[in-house]
Protein backbone atom coordinates (compact mmCIF):
# COMPACT_ATOMS: atom_id res chain seq x y z
CA MET A 1 218.72 82.29 157.45
CA PRO A 2 222.08 84.09 157.18
CA ASP A 3 224.45 83.15 154.37
CA MET A 4 227.17 82.06 156.78
CA SER A 5 224.74 79.74 158.55
CA LYS A 6 223.78 78.11 155.23
CA LYS A 7 227.44 77.78 154.31
CA TYR A 8 228.18 76.10 157.65
CA ARG A 9 225.32 73.64 157.27
CA ASP A 10 225.89 72.79 153.59
CA GLU A 11 229.68 73.04 153.08
CA ILE A 12 231.65 73.38 156.30
CA ARG A 13 230.12 70.56 158.35
CA PRO A 14 230.89 67.81 155.80
CA ALA A 15 234.36 69.24 155.14
CA LEU A 16 235.14 69.42 158.87
CA GLN A 17 233.92 65.87 159.40
CA ALA A 18 236.21 64.59 156.65
CA LYS A 19 239.21 66.72 157.64
CA LEU A 20 239.08 65.92 161.37
CA GLY A 21 238.11 62.28 160.83
CA ILE A 22 235.00 62.44 162.96
CA ALA A 23 232.60 59.49 162.73
CA ASN A 24 229.74 60.86 164.83
CA VAL A 25 227.89 63.83 163.31
CA MET A 26 227.17 65.26 166.77
CA GLN A 27 230.92 65.71 167.46
CA ILE A 28 231.48 68.11 164.55
CA PRO A 29 232.60 71.47 166.02
CA LYS A 30 230.08 74.27 165.80
CA LEU A 31 229.92 77.87 166.89
CA GLN A 32 227.77 78.06 170.05
CA LYS A 33 227.85 81.76 170.92
CA ILE A 34 229.73 85.02 170.51
CA VAL A 35 230.13 87.28 173.53
CA LEU A 36 231.01 90.97 173.01
CA SER A 37 232.16 92.92 176.03
CA VAL A 38 233.36 96.45 176.67
CA GLY A 39 235.22 97.20 179.89
CA LEU A 40 235.26 100.72 181.26
CA SER A 41 236.93 102.31 184.22
CA SER A 42 234.83 102.25 187.36
CA SER A 43 235.41 105.99 187.64
CA ALA A 44 234.05 106.60 184.13
CA GLU A 45 231.12 108.94 183.76
CA ARG A 46 227.58 107.60 183.60
CA ASP A 47 227.38 108.70 179.95
CA ALA A 48 230.22 106.32 179.03
CA PHE A 49 228.22 103.28 180.10
CA THR A 50 225.10 104.32 178.22
CA GLU A 51 227.20 105.09 175.15
CA ALA A 52 228.89 101.67 175.34
CA LYS A 53 225.48 100.03 175.67
CA LYS A 54 224.10 101.96 172.68
CA ASN A 55 227.13 101.10 170.54
CA LEU A 56 226.88 97.38 171.35
CA GLU A 57 223.17 97.45 170.57
CA ALA A 58 223.85 99.19 167.24
CA MET A 59 226.50 96.62 166.29
CA THR A 60 224.50 93.54 167.25
CA GLY A 61 220.82 94.43 167.00
CA GLN A 62 220.28 93.00 170.47
CA CYS A 63 219.87 94.62 173.88
CA ALA A 64 223.13 94.92 175.83
CA VAL A 65 223.57 94.59 179.60
CA ILE A 66 225.60 96.88 181.85
CA THR A 67 227.84 94.66 184.00
CA LYS A 68 228.46 95.34 187.66
CA ALA A 69 231.33 94.47 190.01
CA LYS A 70 230.84 91.29 192.04
CA LYS A 71 233.67 91.90 194.54
CA ASN A 72 235.35 94.77 196.29
CA VAL A 73 238.87 95.47 194.96
CA SER A 74 240.56 98.15 197.01
CA ASN A 75 243.51 98.62 194.64
CA PHE A 76 241.14 99.72 191.88
CA LYS A 77 238.77 101.62 194.24
CA LEU A 78 236.06 99.22 193.15
CA ARG A 79 232.98 98.41 195.22
CA VAL A 80 230.30 95.75 194.83
CA GLY A 81 227.56 96.92 192.47
CA GLN A 82 229.56 99.57 190.63
CA ASN A 83 229.23 99.64 186.83
CA ILE A 84 232.32 98.23 185.12
CA GLY A 85 231.28 97.64 181.51
CA ALA A 86 228.70 96.33 179.06
CA MET A 87 228.21 93.01 177.29
CA VAL A 88 225.96 91.15 174.90
CA THR A 89 225.72 87.43 174.07
CA LEU A 90 224.77 86.43 170.52
CA ARG A 91 223.38 83.05 169.52
CA GLY A 92 221.72 81.62 166.42
CA SER A 93 221.14 83.77 163.37
CA ARG A 94 222.29 87.02 165.03
CA MET A 95 225.60 85.34 165.87
CA PHE A 96 226.19 84.36 162.23
CA GLU A 97 225.13 87.80 160.98
CA PHE A 98 227.55 89.51 163.35
CA LEU A 99 230.39 87.14 162.42
CA ASP A 100 229.76 87.83 158.74
CA ARG A 101 229.89 91.63 159.29
CA PHE A 102 232.93 91.29 161.56
CA VAL A 103 234.92 89.24 159.04
CA HIS A 104 233.88 90.95 155.80
CA ASN A 105 233.24 94.58 156.84
CA ALA A 106 235.02 95.46 160.09
CA MET A 107 238.34 93.63 159.80
CA PRO A 108 239.27 95.10 156.38
CA ARG A 109 238.77 98.58 157.89
CA VAL A 110 241.46 98.04 160.55
CA ARG A 111 244.61 99.95 159.70
CA ASP A 112 247.61 97.73 158.75
CA PHE A 113 245.55 94.57 159.26
CA ARG A 114 247.63 91.43 158.81
CA GLY A 115 245.19 88.91 160.25
CA LEU A 116 243.97 87.99 163.71
CA PRO A 117 246.55 86.54 166.13
CA ASN A 118 246.72 82.77 166.64
CA LYS A 119 247.44 83.26 170.34
CA GLY A 120 243.78 83.86 171.22
CA PHE A 121 242.85 80.18 171.71
CA ASP A 122 242.39 79.09 175.33
CA GLY A 123 243.06 75.34 175.07
CA ARG A 124 239.38 74.39 175.25
CA GLY A 125 238.26 75.41 171.77
CA ASN A 126 237.33 79.04 172.47
CA TYR A 127 238.85 82.05 170.73
CA ASN A 128 239.30 85.55 172.19
CA VAL A 129 240.31 88.66 170.29
CA GLY A 130 240.45 92.29 171.33
CA ILE A 131 239.76 95.31 169.16
CA LYS A 132 241.35 98.60 170.17
CA ASP A 133 238.78 100.83 168.50
CA ILE A 134 235.12 99.99 167.89
CA SER A 135 234.81 102.63 165.18
CA VAL A 136 235.86 100.02 162.57
CA PHE A 137 232.23 98.85 162.57
CA THR A 138 230.12 100.68 160.02
CA GLU A 139 227.20 101.01 162.47
CA ILE A 140 229.22 103.30 164.76
CA ASP A 141 229.22 107.00 163.86
CA GLN A 142 232.72 108.33 164.58
CA ASP A 143 231.49 111.91 164.95
CA LYS A 144 229.11 110.96 167.77
CA LEU A 145 231.68 108.78 169.58
CA LYS A 146 232.50 110.69 172.76
CA TYR A 147 234.54 108.09 174.63
CA PRO A 148 237.08 105.98 172.71
CA MET A 149 236.61 102.35 173.67
CA GLY A 150 237.83 98.92 172.71
CA MET A 151 236.02 95.62 172.75
CA ASN A 152 236.68 91.96 173.50
CA ILE A 153 235.11 89.30 171.29
CA THR A 154 234.86 85.71 172.52
CA MET A 155 233.85 82.96 170.09
CA VAL A 156 232.73 79.84 171.97
CA THR A 157 232.81 76.59 170.00
CA SER A 158 231.77 73.05 170.86
CA SER A 159 235.24 71.74 169.98
CA PRO A 160 237.12 70.15 172.91
CA ASN A 161 240.49 71.36 171.58
CA ASP A 162 242.04 74.26 169.71
CA GLU A 163 242.72 72.37 166.46
CA GLY A 164 239.04 71.73 165.75
CA ALA A 165 238.10 75.29 166.68
CA ARG A 166 240.86 76.74 164.48
CA GLU A 167 239.71 74.68 161.49
CA LEU A 168 236.10 75.70 162.08
CA LEU A 169 236.95 79.40 162.26
CA LYS A 170 239.23 79.19 159.21
CA MET A 171 236.41 77.61 157.21
CA LEU A 172 234.08 80.37 158.45
CA GLU A 173 236.58 82.77 156.79
CA VAL A 174 238.00 84.27 159.99
CA PRO A 175 241.31 85.80 158.80
CA PHE A 176 244.22 84.47 160.87
CA GLY A 177 247.75 85.84 160.48
CA GLU A 178 251.01 84.00 160.95
């Protein structure tokens, strides 16, 4: 069991219940899943999609999926079935392991890091953050990185509002800025 999972079960859940004034144990906010996605241009080379998939797999330890377009968009010269990116959904112990590495290893490596923005909450208890360069993860070899790519990270919580989700993520040591 990952350390962050133990910390959530033993320390964070009781503290959240007391802080938010929740009577029912089942209403305590919890992290349900983390979705990592990389979007690439539809005109990108085939190698870019396989590289994005390999990088996501190296970061998460789980098989990534290449996403395809669902609609035709003529302005972007996009057709149904074209590759547009890669994604992976993490749950359970892999989710907590990734969050631990993201918070303690990757974020301190970002240049001029002043904390994650507070604007990433969507009103329903989910948090989105974008990273401009995936090379901040220690699993990615910068010398072998052919195509520079960013990544979107979505943290889905069971909280019905942003306040509960923000408190949960703060207690999980996610570094928020002003």
